[in-house]
């Protein structure tokens, strides 16, 4: 499952960050690495961006960026 498909309020573990572009690299720099727990806090009214909680910080990322992050419950 990808991070963009995660229901709000559910914790999951990052299993992989796919892609080799600047966005994937930036996500990993922000702590989105395999083994880290992440939670989708809420969606924006029209679905983009989403707010996530990771390593004690809140981040807002686009859904297409969240599609590159694989998670498991």
N, C-alpha and C. Protein backbone atom coordinates (compact mmCIF):
# COMPACT_ATOMS: atom_id res chain seq x y z
N UNK A 1 0.85 -1.17 0.00
CA UNK A 1 0.00 0.00 0.00
C UNK A 1 0.90 1.23 0.00
N UNK A 2 0.42 2.28 -0.60
CA UNK A 2 1.19 3.53 -0.61
C UNK A 2 0.68 4.47 0.48
N UNK A 3 1.50 5.43 0.82
CA UNK A 3 1.15 6.40 1.87
C UNK A 3 -0.10 7.19 1.50
N UNK A 4 -0.30 7.45 0.23
CA UNK A 4 -1.48 8.23 -0.19
C UNK A 4 -2.78 7.47 0.02
N UNK A 5 -2.73 6.15 0.13
CA UNK A 5 -3.92 5.31 0.32
C UNK A 5 -4.20 5.01 1.79
N UNK A 6 -3.31 5.43 2.68
CA UNK A 6 -3.46 5.17 4.11
C UNK A 6 -4.64 5.95 4.67
N UNK A 7 -5.51 5.31 5.46
CA UNK A 7 -6.62 6.04 6.07
C UNK A 7 -6.11 7.02 7.13
N UNK A 8 -6.82 8.09 7.33
CA UNK A 8 -6.43 9.10 8.33
C UNK A 8 -6.45 8.50 9.73
N UNK A 9 -5.45 8.84 10.52
CA UNK A 9 -5.37 8.41 11.90
C UNK A 9 -4.73 7.05 12.12
N UNK A 10 -4.32 6.38 11.06
CA UNK A 10 -3.74 5.04 11.17
C UNK A 10 -2.21 5.14 11.08
N UNK A 11 -1.53 4.42 11.99
CA UNK A 11 -0.07 4.35 11.95
C UNK A 11 0.36 3.25 10.99
N UNK A 12 1.46 3.48 10.29
CA UNK A 12 2.02 2.48 9.39
C UNK A 12 3.54 2.61 9.42
N UNK A 13 4.21 1.59 8.91
CA UNK A 13 5.67 1.57 8.85
C UNK A 13 6.10 1.73 7.40
N UNK A 14 7.03 2.64 7.18
CA UNK A 14 7.56 2.84 5.83
C UNK A 14 8.39 1.62 5.45
N UNK A 15 8.13 1.05 4.27
CA UNK A 15 8.90 -0.11 3.80
C UNK A 15 9.85 0.26 2.67
N UNK A 16 9.50 1.30 1.88
CA UNK A 16 10.37 1.70 0.78
C UNK A 16 9.97 3.08 0.28
N UNK A 17 10.95 3.79 -0.26
CA UNK A 17 10.71 5.05 -0.96
C UNK A 17 11.18 4.82 -2.39
N UNK A 18 10.22 4.78 -3.32
CA UNK A 18 10.53 4.48 -4.72
C UNK A 18 10.88 5.74 -5.48
N UNK A 19 11.66 5.57 -6.52
CA UNK A 19 12.03 6.70 -7.36
C UNK A 19 13.45 7.14 -7.09
N UNK A 20 14.00 7.82 -8.07
CA UNK A 20 15.37 8.29 -7.95
C UNK A 20 15.48 9.79 -8.18
N UNK A 21 14.36 10.47 -8.18
CA UNK A 21 14.36 11.90 -8.45
C UNK A 21 14.61 12.73 -7.21
N UNK A 22 14.51 14.01 -7.40
CA UNK A 22 14.74 14.97 -6.32
C UNK A 22 13.71 14.81 -5.21
N UNK A 23 12.47 14.52 -5.57
CA UNK A 23 11.41 14.39 -4.57
C UNK A 23 11.69 13.21 -3.64
N UNK A 24 12.05 12.07 -4.20
CA UNK A 24 12.34 10.90 -3.37
C UNK A 24 13.52 11.16 -2.44
N UNK A 25 14.53 11.82 -2.95
CA UNK A 25 15.69 12.15 -2.13
C UNK A 25 15.30 13.09 -0.99
N UNK A 26 14.48 14.08 -1.30
CA UNK A 26 14.04 15.04 -0.27
C UNK A 26 13.19 14.37 0.80
N UNK A 27 12.32 13.45 0.40
CA UNK A 27 11.51 12.72 1.38
C UNK A 27 12.41 11.94 2.34
N UNK A 28 13.44 11.30 1.81
CA UNK A 28 14.36 10.55 2.66
C UNK A 28 15.15 11.48 3.58
N UNK A 29 15.50 12.67 3.10
CA UNK A 29 16.20 13.64 3.94
C UNK A 29 15.32 14.10 5.09
N UNK A 30 14.01 14.11 4.88
CA UNK A 30 13.07 14.54 5.93
C UNK A 30 12.74 13.40 6.90
N UNK A 31 13.36 12.23 6.71
CA UNK A 31 13.16 11.13 7.65
C UNK A 31 12.30 10.00 7.14
N UNK A 32 11.84 10.07 5.92
CA UNK A 32 10.98 9.04 5.36
C UNK A 32 11.85 7.90 4.85
N UNK A 33 12.35 7.08 5.80
CA UNK A 33 13.23 5.97 5.46
C UNK A 33 12.58 4.67 5.95
N UNK A 34 12.93 3.55 5.36
CA UNK A 34 12.35 2.27 5.78
C UNK A 34 12.52 2.03 7.28
N UNK A 35 11.44 1.55 7.91
CA UNK A 35 11.43 1.25 9.33
C UNK A 35 10.82 2.32 10.21
N UNK A 36 10.60 3.51 9.68
CA UNK A 36 10.06 4.62 10.46
C UNK A 36 8.53 4.56 10.47
N UNK A 37 7.94 4.90 11.61
CA UNK A 37 6.48 4.94 11.73
C UNK A 37 5.96 6.28 11.24
N UNK A 38 4.90 6.23 10.45
CA UNK A 38 4.29 7.43 9.89
C UNK A 38 2.78 7.34 10.09
N UNK A 39 2.13 8.50 10.24
CA UNK A 39 0.67 8.54 10.40
C UNK A 39 0.11 9.63 9.52
N UNK A 40 -0.92 9.31 8.78
CA UNK A 40 -1.62 10.32 8.00
C UNK A 40 -2.58 11.02 8.95
N UNK A 41 -2.39 12.31 9.15
CA UNK A 41 -3.20 13.07 10.11
C UNK A 41 -4.51 13.50 9.47
N UNK A 42 -4.43 14.16 8.30
CA UNK A 42 -5.66 14.59 7.64
C UNK A 42 -5.38 14.96 6.19
N UNK A 43 -6.47 14.99 5.44
CA UNK A 43 -6.44 15.41 4.04
C UNK A 43 -6.91 16.86 3.95
N UNK A 44 -6.43 17.55 2.95
CA UNK A 44 -6.96 18.89 2.66
C UNK A 44 -8.37 18.72 2.09
N UNK A 45 -9.18 19.77 2.08
CA UNK A 45 -10.57 19.65 1.62
C UNK A 45 -10.72 19.01 0.23
N UNK A 46 -9.83 19.28 -0.68
CA UNK A 46 -9.93 18.69 -2.02
C UNK A 46 -8.96 17.54 -2.20
N UNK A 47 -8.38 17.03 -1.09
CA UNK A 47 -7.53 15.86 -1.13
C UNK A 47 -6.04 16.12 -1.30
N UNK A 48 -5.63 17.32 -1.56
CA UNK A 48 -4.22 17.58 -1.80
C UNK A 48 -3.86 18.93 -1.19
N UNK A 49 -2.89 19.08 -0.36
CA UNK A 49 -1.93 18.09 0.12
C UNK A 49 -2.49 17.27 1.29
N UNK A 50 -1.66 16.35 1.80
CA UNK A 50 -2.01 15.59 2.98
C UNK A 50 -1.03 15.96 4.08
N UNK A 51 -1.50 15.87 5.32
CA UNK A 51 -0.62 16.14 6.47
C UNK A 51 -0.23 14.80 7.08
N UNK A 52 1.07 14.60 7.27
CA UNK A 52 1.55 13.38 7.89
C UNK A 52 2.37 13.73 9.12
N UNK A 53 2.46 12.78 10.01
CA UNK A 53 3.26 12.93 11.23
C UNK A 53 4.37 11.89 11.18
N UNK A 54 5.62 12.35 11.24
CA UNK A 54 6.76 11.45 11.17
C UNK A 54 7.88 11.99 12.06
N UNK A 55 8.42 11.12 12.90
CA UNK A 55 9.53 11.48 13.79
C UNK A 55 9.25 12.74 14.61
N UNK A 56 8.02 12.89 15.07
CA UNK A 56 7.66 14.03 15.91
C UNK A 56 7.41 15.32 15.15
N UNK A 57 7.43 15.28 13.83
CA UNK A 57 7.21 16.48 13.02
C UNK A 57 5.98 16.29 12.14
N UNK A 58 5.33 17.38 11.83
CA UNK A 58 4.22 17.35 10.88
C UNK A 58 4.70 17.86 9.54
N UNK A 59 4.36 17.14 8.48
CA UNK A 59 4.74 17.52 7.12
C UNK A 59 3.50 17.56 6.25
N UNK A 60 3.49 18.45 5.30
CA UNK A 60 2.44 18.48 4.28
C UNK A 60 3.10 18.12 2.95
N UNK A 61 2.60 17.05 2.34
CA UNK A 61 3.16 16.64 1.05
C UNK A 61 2.03 16.39 0.07
N UNK A 62 2.36 16.45 -1.21
CA UNK A 62 1.37 16.21 -2.25
C UNK A 62 1.07 14.71 -2.34
N UNK A 63 -0.11 14.38 -2.81
CA UNK A 63 -0.49 12.98 -2.98
C UNK A 63 0.43 12.25 -3.95
N UNK A 64 0.85 12.92 -5.03
CA UNK A 64 1.72 12.24 -5.98
C UNK A 64 3.09 11.94 -5.36
N UNK A 65 3.52 12.74 -4.40
CA UNK A 65 4.75 12.45 -3.67
C UNK A 65 4.53 11.28 -2.72
N UNK A 66 3.36 11.24 -2.07
CA UNK A 66 3.04 10.15 -1.15
C UNK A 66 2.88 8.82 -1.89
N UNK A 67 2.57 8.87 -3.18
CA UNK A 67 2.46 7.64 -3.98
C UNK A 67 3.79 6.92 -4.10
N UNK A 68 4.89 7.60 -3.93
CA UNK A 68 6.20 6.95 -4.06
C UNK A 68 6.66 6.29 -2.77
N UNK A 69 5.87 6.43 -1.69
CA UNK A 69 6.24 5.86 -0.39
C UNK A 69 5.38 4.63 -0.12
N UNK A 70 6.02 3.48 0.01
CA UNK A 70 5.29 2.24 0.34
C UNK A 70 5.29 2.05 1.84
N UNK A 71 4.11 1.67 2.39
CA UNK A 71 3.95 1.45 3.82
C UNK A 71 3.22 0.14 4.05
N UNK A 72 3.34 -0.36 5.28
CA UNK A 72 2.54 -1.51 5.69
C UNK A 72 1.98 -1.24 7.07
N UNK A 73 0.78 -1.74 7.30
CA UNK A 73 0.11 -1.51 8.59
C UNK A 73 0.73 -2.33 9.68
